[in-house]
Each structure stands twice: as structure tokens, then as C-alpha cells.
Amino acid sequence: MTNRQSYQTDLSDARWALIAPVLQEWRDQRRRRALDIGRPPIHDLREILNALLYLDRTGVQWRYLPHDFPPHQTVYGYFAHWQRDGVFEDLHGLLHHLTREAEGRDSRPSAGAIDTQSVKTSTSVPLTSQGTDAGKKIIGRKRGVITDTTGLLMVLLVLAADASDSAIGLRLLDTAHHLFPRLRKIWADSAFRKTCVEHAARLGIDLEVVQRTPGTRGFAPIPHRWTVETCQAQCTHGVGSVGVSSGSFQSRRLYQPGGRVRRSRSMASSCWSAWAMRRCGQQLSRRVVIQPRLIQL
């Protein structure tokens, strides 16, 4: 790591130790595919990731990245390669696996919650990749997620905001069933009460609609659904939206600054590659599915 004044978004040594083997293996594979020809890499992978975390947290444009980070063209190049090569999904799957085990749970979740949310996009996102949510009067994109019972993200789907909740639910269920065969129970709101319930049953999943308690006034956590609602709120209030923040990670949930195992119920969970939901919108197609993958080190 270079000698510079640290930023609050920088990775701690313990968190970097979780991620470093995956990124180094990616770099080594690229060198092998290129027959080890060309100039050796000169930029520290940790600094590249620190730069992405700084961008995600502060929301600055690429060109305004502080000069003590690698050049913004280099940082964006790594980001594009990692997104294309599935590195973010690999990291998410690994951290999801480790976080659940650290909290004394089976690494393969058996229950979760599903939800959607329409969000506005930045002015740099082309209108052709957006839609209008007529019910909420929002022009932008719609984010569909399934989380486990601790709020860790399992599946993310980003569509134009004019997509129906049922259409999103069907695709989320198919993806979750493929990636998590042990999944048997999902809680949802009334937007998924018909088509999705029947489709889930065919997949062997019990999708239960959880209603707000009649007569409740003001804010009240909804049983079983509060985890996915909290995850959505974390995604919305983060400048970079769903994004590189996941591991800002699920590794936070694994380690405190002193390196101790963390058992908090923090909802700092999201899917790395979907950072492009608000940023780099021109690189995001109208319909994108993020599918975390588990890998072995």
C-alpha cells in the first residue's frame, strides 16, 4: 500500500486480507492468458479498490478522484474489467458465505425476503435505459432484491422503472432457486401475492405475503420483511446505491477495526456490480441480473 494520508473509506488490513486472494488470482490469470507479455502491472490492487470505495461513498465524478489515488482512467479500467469478468459477483459470494458462517449460520440460506423499489437515476443516465413508475411517479430504474433473514443480499435485479413487480419477482425467484437450492421460504408484500406465489410453489418455495398489522399507525417494523426493507434503505441512502458498497462491505460485518469477529446485524449489504444503477449508467443495459457466485480459495 502506498504511503499517503488514509481516507475513512479505505480498507482495513483485516478486510483487505479477505479480498486480496480473489483480486490477485484475477490479475495472475490475465497475465497467464497474455503469455506474460507486456508491461507488468504497476498499480496496487488495494489502492484501486480503495479508489472505488471512495467514489462510491462520496459520489464524485471519475475525473475528480483525488490525485493520491491511481489515475481515474486506470481505476475505471479496472472497474470495467472486474464488472465484465464477474469479479464483484465472486467477491460477494465469498463474503456472503464467510459472513453467515461467522454468525453461526449455514452458509446456504433456507429463507429470505423479497422486495422492489423504484429509484431516480443521475442526469448522466440515458433515457432509453429508464422507465416511469406510474404508481410512484418516479422516472428511473427499479431495483428488485432477495435477502436472507439477516439482510445479506442474495439476488439483485435492475430493470427500467416501468417493469411490474410480478415480472421482477418471477425472475428473482428463478435466479434464487438456481443459486440457492436450499431456499424454501420467502416473505413478501402484497405486490407478489398472485403470480409469484404460484410460481414459487412450483419451485418448491413457500412464498408468504406478510401484511401490515391492521390499525397500526406510524412506523412499525413488519415481521420478517424488515430485513429486506432495511437493505433497500441502505442502498437508497448510499451515494453509490447498491454498489461497490457490498462488501463495504460484508467484510465490515466480519471484522471490526481490531480484527475481531463481528456479530452485529448491520445491513451494509449490496451487490457490487450494480453500482452502475446510478453511476456509469451508460454502461448498464436496460435489463441486468446480478447473480452472486460462491468460489473456493
C-alpha atoms as a PDB file:
ATOM      1  CA  MET A   1       0.000   0.000   0.000  1.00  0.00           C
ATOM      2  CA  THR A   2       1.310   3.474  -0.880  1.00  0.00           C
ATOM      3  CA  ASN A   3       2.265   5.998   1.770  1.00  0.00           C
ATOM      4  CA  ARG A   4      -0.493   8.589   1.858  1.00  0.00           C
ATOM      5  CA  GLN A   5      -2.947  10.008   4.308  1.00  0.00           C
ATOM      6  CA  SER A   6      -5.740   7.490   4.754  1.00  0.00           C
ATOM      7  CA  TYR A   7      -9.396   8.137   3.935  1.00  0.00           C
ATOM      8  CA  GLN A   8     -12.300   6.906   6.038  1.00  0.00           C
ATOM      9  CA  THR A   9     -13.376   4.683   3.150  1.00  0.00           C
ATOM     10  CA  ASP A  10     -10.051   2.813   2.965  1.00  0.00           C
ATOM     11  CA  LEU A  11      -9.967  -0.910   3.631  1.00  0.00           C
ATOM     12  CA  SER A  12      -8.511  -2.092   6.916  1.00  0.00           C
ATOM     13  CA  ASP A  13      -5.797  -4.736   6.828  1.00  0.00           C
ATOM     14  CA  ALA A  14      -8.215  -7.412   8.061  1.00  0.00           C
ATOM     15  CA  ARG A  15     -10.813  -6.598   5.406  1.00  0.00           C
ATOM     16  CA  TRP A  16      -8.208  -6.471   2.650  1.00  0.00           C
ATOM     17  CA  ALA A  17      -6.902  -9.887   3.694  1.00  0.00           C
ATOM     18  CA  LEU A  18     -10.337 -11.341   2.865  1.00  0.00           C
ATOM     19  CA  ILE A  19     -10.445  -9.829  -0.602  1.00  0.00           C
ATOM     20  CA  ALA A  20      -6.820  -9.820  -1.761  1.00  0.00           C
ATOM     21  CA  PRO A  21      -6.568 -13.510  -2.873  1.00  0.00           C
ATOM     22  CA  VAL A  22      -9.508 -13.124  -5.274  1.00  0.00           C
ATOM     23  CA  LEU A  23      -8.157  -9.977  -6.920  1.00  0.00           C
ATOM     24  CA  GLN A  24      -4.604 -11.305  -7.111  1.00  0.00           C
ATOM     25  CA  GLU A  25      -5.825 -14.523  -8.719  1.00  0.00           C
ATOM     26  CA  TRP A  26      -7.743 -12.460 -11.281  1.00  0.00           C
ATOM     27  CA  ARG A  27      -4.604 -10.480 -12.116  1.00  0.00           C
ATOM     28  CA  ASP A  28      -2.474 -13.631 -12.375  1.00  0.00           C
ATOM     29  CA  GLN A  29      -4.977 -15.265 -14.731  1.00  0.00           C
ATOM     30  CA  ARG A  30      -4.949 -12.228 -17.026  1.00  0.00           C
ATOM     31  CA  ARG A  31      -1.147 -12.313 -17.128  1.00  0.00           C
ATOM     32  CA  ARG A  32      -1.178 -16.027 -17.975  1.00  0.00           C
ATOM     33  CA  ARG A  33      -3.718 -15.511 -20.755  1.00  0.00           C
ATOM     34  CA  ALA A  34      -1.472 -12.792 -22.193  1.00  0.00           C
ATOM     35  CA  LEU A  35       1.509 -15.194 -22.038  1.00  0.00           C
ATOM     36  CA  ASP A  36       3.108 -12.801 -19.547  1.00  0.00           C
ATOM     37  CA  ILE A  37       3.826 -10.375 -22.396  1.00  0.00           C
ATOM     38  CA  GLY A  38       3.721  -6.628 -21.912  1.00  0.00           C
ATOM     39  CA  ARG A  39       4.458  -4.200 -19.120  1.00  0.00           C
ATOM     40  CA  PRO A  40       3.978  -5.652 -15.619  1.00  0.00           C
ATOM     41  CA  PRO A  41       1.168  -4.058 -13.565  1.00  0.00           C
ATOM     42  CA  ILE A  42       2.381  -1.076 -11.562  1.00  0.00           C
ATOM     43  CA  HIS A  43      -0.730  -0.177  -9.565  1.00  0.00           C
ATOM     44  CA  ASP A  44      -1.602  -1.697  -6.205  1.00  0.00           C
ATOM     45  CA  LEU A  45      -4.901  -3.586  -6.322  1.00  0.00           C
ATOM     46  CA  ARG A  46      -5.721  -2.407  -2.819  1.00  0.00           C
ATOM     47  CA  GLU A  47      -5.380   1.214  -3.939  1.00  0.00           C
ATOM     48  CA  ILE A  48      -7.632   0.546  -6.936  1.00  0.00           C
ATOM     49  CA  LEU A  49     -10.320  -0.851  -4.655  1.00  0.00           C
ATOM     50  CA  ASN A  50      -9.858   1.990  -2.162  1.00  0.00           C
ATOM     51  CA  ALA A  51     -10.423   4.439  -5.010  1.00  0.00           C
ATOM     52  CA  LEU A  52     -13.649   2.675  -5.994  1.00  0.00           C
ATOM     53  CA  LEU A  53     -14.851   2.771  -2.393  1.00  0.00           C
ATOM     54  CA  TYR A  54     -14.069   6.489  -2.222  1.00  0.00           C
ATOM     55  CA  LEU A  55     -16.035   7.090  -5.430  1.00  0.00           C
ATOM     56  CA  ASP A  56     -18.934   5.013  -4.161  1.00  0.00           C
ATOM     57  CA  ARG A  57     -19.143   6.771  -0.812  1.00  0.00           C
ATOM     58  CA  THR A  58     -18.617  10.371  -1.901  1.00  0.00           C
ATOM     59  CA  GLY A  59     -20.324  10.286  -5.303  1.00  0.00           C
ATOM     60  CA  VAL A  60     -17.639  12.358  -7.043  1.00  0.00           C
ATOM     61  CA  GLN A  61     -17.151  12.093 -10.772  1.00  0.00           C
ATOM     62  CA  TRP A  62     -14.334   9.941 -12.092  1.00  0.00           C
ATOM     63  CA  ARG A  63     -12.262  12.956 -13.141  1.00  0.00           C
ATOM     64  CA  TYR A  64     -12.418  14.407  -9.625  1.00  0.00           C
ATOM     65  CA  LEU A  65     -10.815  11.413  -7.967  1.00  0.00           C
ATOM     66  CA  PRO A  66      -8.073  12.714  -5.605  1.00  0.00           C
ATOM     67  CA  HIS A  67      -4.591  12.669  -7.088  1.00  0.00           C
ATOM     68  CA  ASP A  68      -3.158  10.418  -4.389  1.00  0.00           C
ATOM     69  CA  PHE A  69      -5.166   7.550  -5.902  1.00  0.00           C
ATOM     70  CA  PRO A  70      -4.178   5.938  -9.221  1.00  0.00           C
ATOM     71  CA  PRO A  71      -5.305   7.861 -12.342  1.00  0.00           C
ATOM     72  CA  HIS A  72      -9.060   7.847 -12.815  1.00  0.00           C
ATOM     73  CA  GLN A  73      -8.693   6.216 -16.253  1.00  0.00           C
ATOM     74  CA  THR A  74      -6.858   3.313 -14.619  1.00  0.00           C
ATOM     75  CA  VAL A  75      -9.416   2.974 -11.826  1.00  0.00           C
ATOM     76  CA  TYR A  76     -12.294   2.935 -14.305  1.00  0.00           C
ATOM     77  CA  GLY A  77     -10.466   0.397 -16.466  1.00  0.00           C
ATOM     78  CA  TYR A  78     -10.129  -1.988 -13.531  1.00  0.00           C
ATOM     79  CA  PHE A  79     -13.769  -1.389 -12.568  1.00  0.00           C
ATOM     80  CA  ALA A  80     -14.944  -2.238 -16.102  1.00  0.00           C
ATOM     81  CA  HIS A  81     -12.794  -5.387 -16.246  1.00  0.00           C
ATOM     82  CA  TRP A  82     -13.939  -6.579 -12.807  1.00  0.00           C
ATOM     83  CA  GLN A  83     -17.547  -5.991 -13.753  1.00  0.00           C
ATOM     84  CA  ARG A  84     -17.181  -7.821 -17.069  1.00  0.00           C
ATOM     85  CA  ASP A  85     -15.207 -10.749 -15.613  1.00  0.00           C
ATOM     86  CA  GLY A  86     -17.586 -11.334 -12.693  1.00  0.00           C
ATOM     87  CA  VAL A  87     -15.055 -10.410 -10.007  1.00  0.00           C
ATOM     88  CA  PHE A  88     -17.583  -8.428  -7.985  1.00  0.00           C
ATOM     89  CA  GLU A  89     -20.009 -11.349  -8.001  1.00  0.00           C
ATOM     90  CA  ASP A  90     -17.237 -13.703  -6.896  1.00  0.00           C
ATOM     91  CA  LEU A  91     -16.332 -11.400  -4.023  1.00  0.00           C
ATOM     92  CA  HIS A  92     -19.937 -11.021  -2.992  1.00  0.00           C
ATOM     93  CA  GLY A  93     -20.499 -14.757  -2.966  1.00  0.00           C
ATOM     94  CA  LEU A  94     -17.349 -15.359  -0.938  1.00  0.00           C
ATOM     95  CA  LEU A  95     -18.146 -12.665   1.638  1.00  0.00           C
ATOM     96  CA  HIS A  96     -21.769 -13.810   1.892  1.00  0.00           C
ATOM     97  CA  HIS A  97     -20.537 -17.331   2.618  1.00  0.00           C
ATOM     98  CA  LEU A  98     -17.988 -16.213   5.238  1.00  0.00           C
ATOM     99  CA  THR A  99     -20.343 -13.759   6.945  1.00  0.00           C
ATOM    100  CA  ARG A 100     -23.055 -16.334   7.519  1.00  0.00           C
ATOM    101  CA  GLU A 101     -20.553 -18.857   8.857  1.00  0.00           C
ATOM    102  CA  ALA A 102     -19.057 -16.240  11.212  1.00  0.00           C
ATOM    103  CA  GLU A 103     -22.542 -15.629  12.618  1.00  0.00           C
ATOM    104  CA  GLY A 104     -23.049 -19.321  13.289  1.00  0.00           C
ATOM    105  CA  ARG A 105     -25.391 -19.951  10.363  1.00  0.00           C
ATOM    106  CA  ASP A 106     -25.373 -22.382   7.487  1.00  0.00           C
ATOM    107  CA  SER A 107     -23.590 -20.746   4.558  1.00  0.00           C
ATOM    108  CA  ARG A 108     -26.546 -21.685   2.330  1.00  0.00           C
ATOM    109  CA  PRO A 109     -29.655 -19.722   3.333  1.00  0.00           C
ATOM    110  CA  SER A 110     -33.005 -21.504   3.535  1.00  0.00           C
ATOM    111  CA  ALA A 111     -35.224 -18.433   3.972  1.00  0.00           C
ATOM    112  CA  GLY A 112     -35.322 -14.857   2.772  1.00  0.00           C
ATOM    113  CA  ALA A 113     -37.421 -11.846   1.856  1.00  0.00           C
ATOM    114  CA  ILE A 114     -38.194 -10.199  -1.482  1.00  0.00           C
ATOM    115  CA  ASP A 115     -38.911  -6.557  -2.302  1.00  0.00           C
ATOM    116  CA  THR A 116     -38.714  -3.961  -5.076  1.00  0.00           C
ATOM    117  CA  GLN A 117     -38.035  -0.237  -5.064  1.00  0.00           C
ATOM    118  CA  SER A 118     -38.104   2.434  -7.762  1.00  0.00           C
ATOM    119  CA  VAL A 119     -35.283   4.976  -7.608  1.00  0.00           C
ATOM    120  CA  LYS A 120     -34.320   8.047  -9.574  1.00  0.00           C
ATOM    121  CA  THR A 121     -31.132   7.902 -11.604  1.00  0.00           C
ATOM    122  CA  SER A 122     -28.479  10.526 -12.245  1.00  0.00           C
ATOM    123  CA  THR A 123     -28.636  13.003 -15.108  1.00  0.00           C
ATOM    124  CA  SER A 124     -25.916  11.107 -16.996  1.00  0.00           C
ATOM    125  CA  VAL A 125     -28.096   8.022 -17.469  1.00  0.00           C
ATOM    126  CA  PRO A 126     -29.705   7.827 -20.940  1.00  0.00           C
ATOM    127  CA  LEU A 127     -33.499   7.876 -21.039  1.00  0.00           C
ATOM    128  CA  THR A 128     -33.519   4.748 -23.196  1.00  0.00           C
ATOM    129  CA  SER A 129     -32.417   2.712 -20.168  1.00  0.00           C
ATOM    130  CA  GLN A 130     -35.031   4.214 -17.838  1.00  0.00           C
ATOM    131  CA  GLY A 131     -38.774   3.921 -17.377  1.00  0.00           C
ATOM    132  CA  THR A 132     -41.637   5.521 -15.469  1.00  0.00           C
ATOM    133  CA  ASP A 133     -43.214   4.001 -12.380  1.00  0.00           C
ATOM    134  CA  ALA A 134     -46.709   5.404 -12.814  1.00  0.00           C
ATOM    135  CA  GLY A 135     -47.823   4.469  -9.315  1.00  0.00           C
ATOM    136  CA  LYS A 136     -44.953   6.258  -7.542  1.00  0.00           C
ATOM    137  CA  LYS A 137     -44.398   8.864 -10.271  1.00  0.00           C
ATOM    138  CA  ILE A 138     -40.682   8.094 -10.490  1.00  0.00           C
ATOM    139  CA  ILE A 139     -38.612   8.165 -13.663  1.00  0.00           C
ATOM    140  CA  GLY A 140     -35.615   5.911 -13.325  1.00  0.00           C
ATOM    141  CA  ARG A 141     -34.963   2.253 -12.589  1.00  0.00           C
ATOM    142  CA  LYS A 142     -36.496  -0.373 -10.369  1.00  0.00           C
ATOM    143  CA  ARG A 143     -34.392  -2.497  -8.052  1.00  0.00           C
ATOM    144  CA  GLY A 144     -35.604  -5.958  -7.085  1.00  0.00           C
ATOM    145  CA  VAL A 145     -33.786  -7.840  -4.337  1.00  0.00           C
ATOM    146  CA  ILE A 146     -33.930 -11.017  -2.304  1.00  0.00           C
ATOM    147  CA  THR A 147     -32.072 -11.020   1.010  1.00  0.00           C
ATOM    148  CA  ASP A 148     -31.558 -13.716   3.593  1.00  0.00           C
ATOM    149  CA  THR A 149     -33.007 -13.406   7.099  1.00  0.00           C
ATOM    150  CA  THR A 150     -30.010 -11.361   8.271  1.00  0.00           C
ATOM    151  CA  GLY A 151     -30.325  -8.806   5.460  1.00  0.00           C
ATOM    152  CA  LEU A 152     -27.446 -10.052   3.311  1.00  0.00           C
ATOM    153  CA  LEU A 153     -28.143  -9.709  -0.378  1.00  0.00           C
ATOM    154  CA  MET A 154     -28.732 -12.928  -2.293  1.00  0.00           C
ATOM    155  CA  VAL A 155     -30.000 -11.771  -5.706  1.00  0.00           C
ATOM    156  CA  LEU A 156     -30.344  -8.361  -7.329  1.00  0.00           C
ATOM    157  CA  LEU A 157     -32.246  -7.440 -10.488  1.00  0.00           C
ATOM    158  CA  VAL A 158     -32.149  -3.953 -12.045  1.00  0.00           C
ATOM    159  CA  LEU A 159     -34.778  -3.029 -14.628  1.00  0.00           C
ATOM    160  CA  ALA A 160     -36.392   0.094 -16.002  1.00  0.00           C
ATOM    161  CA  ALA A 161     -38.893   1.519 -13.514  1.00  0.00           C
ATOM    162  CA  ASP A 162     -41.874   0.609 -15.710  1.00  0.00           C
ATOM    163  CA  ALA A 163     -41.334  -3.131 -15.081  1.00  0.00           C
ATOM    164  CA  SER A 164     -44.047  -4.767 -12.989  1.00  0.00           C
ATOM    165  CA  ASP A 165     -43.333  -6.233  -9.567  1.00  0.00           C
ATOM    166  CA  SER A 166     -44.652  -9.602 -10.740  1.00  0.00           C
ATOM    167  CA  ALA A 167     -42.252  -9.744 -13.684  1.00  0.00           C
ATOM    168  CA  ILE A 168     -39.348  -8.859 -11.422  1.00  0.00           C
ATOM    169  CA  GLY A 169     -40.479 -11.371  -8.814  1.00  0.00           C
ATOM    170  CA  LEU A 170     -40.591 -14.234 -11.307  1.00  0.00           C
ATOM    171  CA  ARG A 171     -37.027 -13.624 -12.456  1.00  0.00           C
ATOM    172  CA  LEU A 172     -35.748 -13.166  -8.913  1.00  0.00           C
ATOM    173  CA  LEU A 173     -37.349 -16.426  -7.822  1.00  0.00           C
ATOM    174  CA  ASP A 174     -35.898 -18.368 -10.761  1.00  0.00           C
ATOM    175  CA  THR A 175     -32.420 -16.992 -10.082  1.00  0.00           C
ATOM    176  CA  ALA A 176     -32.614 -17.575  -6.324  1.00  0.00           C
ATOM    177  CA  HIS A 177     -33.847 -21.145  -6.844  1.00  0.00           C
ATOM    178  CA  HIS A 178     -30.904 -21.835  -9.165  1.00  0.00           C
ATOM    179  CA  LEU A 179     -28.245 -20.259  -6.932  1.00  0.00           C
ATOM    180  CA  PHE A 180     -29.606 -21.362  -3.552  1.00  0.00           C
ATOM    181  CA  PRO A 181     -31.193 -24.835  -3.857  1.00  0.00           C
ATOM    182  CA  ARG A 182     -31.738 -24.951  -0.086  1.00  0.00           C
ATOM    183  CA  LEU A 183     -34.117 -21.961  -0.214  1.00  0.00           C
ATOM    184  CA  ARG A 184     -37.588 -22.997   0.968  1.00  0.00           C
ATOM    185  CA  LYS A 185     -39.264 -19.894   2.457  1.00  0.00           C
ATOM    186  CA  ILE A 186     -39.623 -16.282   1.245  1.00  0.00           C
ATOM    187  CA  TRP A 187     -41.626 -13.439   2.765  1.00  0.00           C
ATOM    188  CA  ALA A 188     -43.058 -10.713   0.543  1.00  0.00           C
ATOM    189  CA  ASP A 189     -45.565  -7.873   0.406  1.00  0.00           C
ATOM    190  CA  SER A 190     -48.909  -7.858  -1.385  1.00  0.00           C
ATOM    191  CA  ALA A 191     -47.360  -6.903  -4.743  1.00  0.00           C
ATOM    192  CA  PHE A 192     -46.291 -10.554  -5.151  1.00  0.00           C
ATOM    193  CA  ARG A 193     -49.496 -12.158  -3.925  1.00  0.00           C
ATOM    194  CA  LYS A 194     -50.749 -13.969  -7.053  1.00  0.00           C
ATOM    195  CA  THR A 195     -48.464 -14.953  -9.901  1.00  0.00           C
ATOM    196  CA  CYS A 196     -45.329 -15.074  -7.790  1.00  0.00           C
ATOM    197  CA  VAL A 197     -46.932 -17.213  -5.066  1.00  0.00           C
ATOM    198  CA  GLU A 198     -47.972 -19.807  -7.637  1.00  0.00           C
ATOM    199  CA  HIS A 199     -44.615 -19.730  -9.405  1.00  0.00           C
ATOM    200  CA  ALA A 200     -42.728 -20.100  -6.125  1.00  0.00           C
ATOM    201  CA  ALA A 201     -44.852 -23.113  -5.229  1.00  0.00           C
ATOM    202  CA  ARG A 202     -43.823 -24.816  -8.472  1.00  0.00           C
ATOM    203  CA  LEU A 203     -40.200 -24.239  -7.463  1.00  0.00           C
ATOM    204  CA  GLY A 204     -40.769 -25.774  -4.051  1.00  0.00           C
ATOM    205  CA  ILE A 205     -40.643 -22.403  -2.249  1.00  0.00           C
ATOM    206  CA  ASP A 206     -43.292 -21.217   0.177  1.00  0.00           C
ATOM    207  CA  LEU A 207     -43.835 -17.514  -0.597  1.00  0.00           C
ATOM    208  CA  GLU A 208     -45.802 -15.935   2.248  1.00  0.00           C
ATOM    209  CA  VAL A 209     -47.348 -12.470   1.945  1.00  0.00           C
ATOM    210  CA  VAL A 210     -46.837 -10.507   5.158  1.00  0.00           C
ATOM    211  CA  GLN A 211     -49.341  -7.694   5.697  1.00  0.00           C
ATOM    212  CA  ARG A 212     -49.033  -4.677   7.925  1.00  0.00           C
ATOM    213  CA  THR A 213     -50.873  -5.203  11.206  1.00  0.00           C
ATOM    214  CA  PRO A 214     -54.374  -3.630  10.902  1.00  0.00           C
ATOM    215  CA  GLY A 215     -54.768  -0.476  12.951  1.00  0.00           C
ATOM    216  CA  THR A 216     -51.033   0.190  13.179  1.00  0.00           C
ATOM    217  CA  ARG A 217     -50.183   3.877  12.960  1.00  0.00           C
ATOM    218  CA  GLY A 218     -46.790   5.402  12.295  1.00  0.00           C
ATOM    219  CA  PHE A 219     -43.613   3.457  11.766  1.00  0.00           C
ATOM    220  CA  ALA A 220     -43.639  -0.203  12.751  1.00  0.00           C
ATOM    221  CA  PRO A 221     -41.218  -2.918  11.565  1.00  0.00           C
ATOM    222  CA  ILE A 222     -43.070  -5.565   9.575  1.00  0.00           C
ATOM    223  CA  PRO A 223     -42.272  -9.097  10.753  1.00  0.00           C
ATOM    224  CA  HIS A 224     -39.811 -10.990   8.524  1.00  0.00           C
ATOM    225  CA  ARG A 225     -39.819  -8.197   5.923  1.00  0.00           C
ATOM    226  CA  TRP A 226     -37.893  -5.633   7.930  1.00  0.00           C
ATOM    227  CA  THR A 227     -34.556  -7.121   6.833  1.00  0.00           C
ATOM    228  CA  VAL A 228     -35.141  -6.554   3.123  1.00  0.00           C
ATOM    229  CA  GLU A 229     -36.662  -3.129   3.809  1.00  0.00           C
ATOM    230  CA  THR A 230     -33.538  -2.152   5.737  1.00  0.00           C
ATOM    231  CA  CYS A 231     -31.331  -3.406   2.934  1.00  0.00           C
ATOM    232  CA  GLN A 232     -33.277  -1.284   0.436  1.00  0.00           C
ATOM    233  CA  ALA A 233     -32.917   1.751   2.686  1.00  0.00           C
ATOM    234  CA  GLN A 234     -29.160   1.214   2.920  1.00  0.00           C
ATOM    235  CA  CYS A 235     -28.953   1.003  -0.858  1.00  0.00           C
ATOM    236  CA  THR A 236     -31.005   4.177  -1.304  1.00  0.00           C
ATOM    237  CA  HIS A 237     -29.140   6.329   1.204  1.00  0.00           C
ATOM    238  CA  GLY A 238     -25.718   5.296  -0.070  1.00  0.00           C
ATOM    239  CA  VAL A 239     -24.409   7.693  -2.714  1.00  0.00           C
ATOM    240  CA  GLY A 240     -23.263   4.859  -4.946  1.00  0.00           C
ATOM    241  CA  SER A 241     -26.545   2.993  -4.487  1.00  0.00           C
ATOM    242  CA  VAL A 242     -26.427  -0.759  -4.463  1.00  0.00           C
ATOM    243  CA  GLY A 243     -22.921  -0.992  -5.271  1.00  0.00           C
ATOM    244  CA  VAL A 244     -19.347  -1.416  -4.555  1.00  0.00           C
ATOM    245  CA  SER A 245     -20.692  -0.888  -1.032  1.00  0.00           C
ATOM    246  CA  SER A 246     -21.159  -4.665  -0.501  1.00  0.00           C
ATOM    247  CA  GLY A 247     -18.536  -5.726   0.729  1.00  0.00           C
ATOM    248  CA  SER A 248     -18.351  -2.038   2.354  1.00  0.00           C
ATOM    249  CA  PHE A 249     -18.962  -4.349   2.739  1.00  0.00           C
ATOM    250  CA  GLN A 250     -19.908  -7.600   4.134  1.00  0.00           C
ATOM    251  CA  SER A 251     -16.287  -7.653   5.284  1.00  0.00           C
ATOM    252  CA  ARG A 252     -17.227  -4.919   7.781  1.00  0.00           C
ATOM    253  CA  ARG A 253     -19.644  -7.390   9.217  1.00  0.00           C
ATOM    254  CA  LEU A 254     -16.906  -9.963   9.536  1.00  0.00           C
ATOM    255  CA  TYR A 255     -14.277  -7.792  11.191  1.00  0.00           C
ATOM    256  CA  GLN A 256     -14.127  -4.751  13.429  1.00  0.00           C
ATOM    257  CA  PRO A 257     -11.050  -2.492  13.193  1.00  0.00           C
ATOM    258  CA  GLY A 258      -9.251  -4.625  15.788  1.00  0.00           C
ATOM    259  CA  GLY A 259      -9.707  -7.750  13.679  1.00  0.00           C
ATOM    260  CA  ARG A 260     -12.319  -9.345  15.938  1.00  0.00           C
ATOM    261  CA  VAL A 261     -15.189 -11.325  14.503  1.00  0.00           C
ATOM    262  CA  ARG A 262     -18.205  -9.085  14.222  1.00  0.00           C
ATOM    263  CA  ARG A 263     -21.726 -10.283  15.020  1.00  0.00           C
ATOM    264  CA  SER A 264     -23.709  -7.100  14.532  1.00  0.00           C
ATOM    265  CA  ARG A 265     -26.895  -7.012  12.458  1.00  0.00           C
ATOM    266  CA  SER A 266     -25.598  -4.268  10.199  1.00  0.00           C
ATOM    267  CA  MET A 267     -27.381  -4.175   6.846  1.00  0.00           C
ATOM    268  CA  ALA A 268     -24.336  -2.990   4.913  1.00  0.00           C
ATOM    269  CA  SER A 269     -25.056  -5.488   2.175  1.00  0.00           C
ATOM    270  CA  SER A 270     -25.428  -4.879  -1.516  1.00  0.00           C
ATOM    271  CA  CYS A 271     -24.278  -6.211  -4.831  1.00  0.00           C
ATOM    272  CA  TRP A 272     -21.070  -4.745  -6.161  1.00  0.00           C
ATOM    273  CA  SER A 273     -21.659  -4.523  -9.861  1.00  0.00           C
ATOM    274  CA  ALA A 274     -24.994  -2.779  -9.597  1.00  0.00           C
ATOM    275  CA  TRP A 275     -23.210   0.356  -8.516  1.00  0.00           C
ATOM    276  CA  ALA A 276     -23.837   1.299 -12.118  1.00  0.00           C
ATOM    277  CA  MET A 277     -27.519   1.741 -11.272  1.00  0.00           C
ATOM    278  CA  ARG A 278     -26.790   5.380 -10.516  1.00  0.00           C
ATOM    279  CA  ARG A 279     -23.230   5.726 -11.771  1.00  0.00           C
ATOM    280  CA  CYS A 280     -21.841   4.727 -15.178  1.00  0.00           C
ATOM    281  CA  GLY A 281     -25.416   4.411 -16.374  1.00  0.00           C
ATOM    282  CA  GLN A 282     -24.342   4.397 -19.987  1.00  0.00           C
ATOM    283  CA  GLN A 283     -22.652   1.026 -19.345  1.00  0.00           C
ATOM    284  CA  LEU A 284     -25.773  -0.592 -17.871  1.00  0.00           C
ATOM    285  CA  SER A 285     -28.220  -2.297 -20.197  1.00  0.00           C
ATOM    286  CA  ARG A 286     -31.964  -1.995 -19.708  1.00  0.00           C
ATOM    287  CA  ARG A 287     -32.215  -5.400 -18.062  1.00  0.00           C
ATOM    288  CA  VAL A 288     -29.427  -6.640 -15.840  1.00  0.00           C
ATOM    289  CA  VAL A 289     -29.333  -9.562 -13.447  1.00  0.00           C
ATOM    290  CA  ILE A 290     -26.616  -9.791 -10.823  1.00  0.00           C
ATOM    291  CA  GLN A 291     -26.013 -13.369  -9.724  1.00  0.00           C
ATOM    292  CA  PRO A 292     -23.531 -13.749  -6.845  1.00  0.00           C
ATOM    293  CA  ARG A 293     -21.318 -16.807  -7.177  1.00  0.00           C
ATOM    294  CA  LEU A 294     -19.651 -18.827  -4.472  1.00  0.00           C
ATOM    295  CA  ILE A 295     -15.995 -19.585  -5.054  1.00  0.00           C
ATOM    296  CA  GLN A 296     -13.397 -21.630  -3.261  1.00  0.00           C
ATOM    297  CA  LEU A 297      -9.987 -20.198  -2.396  1.00  0.00           C
END
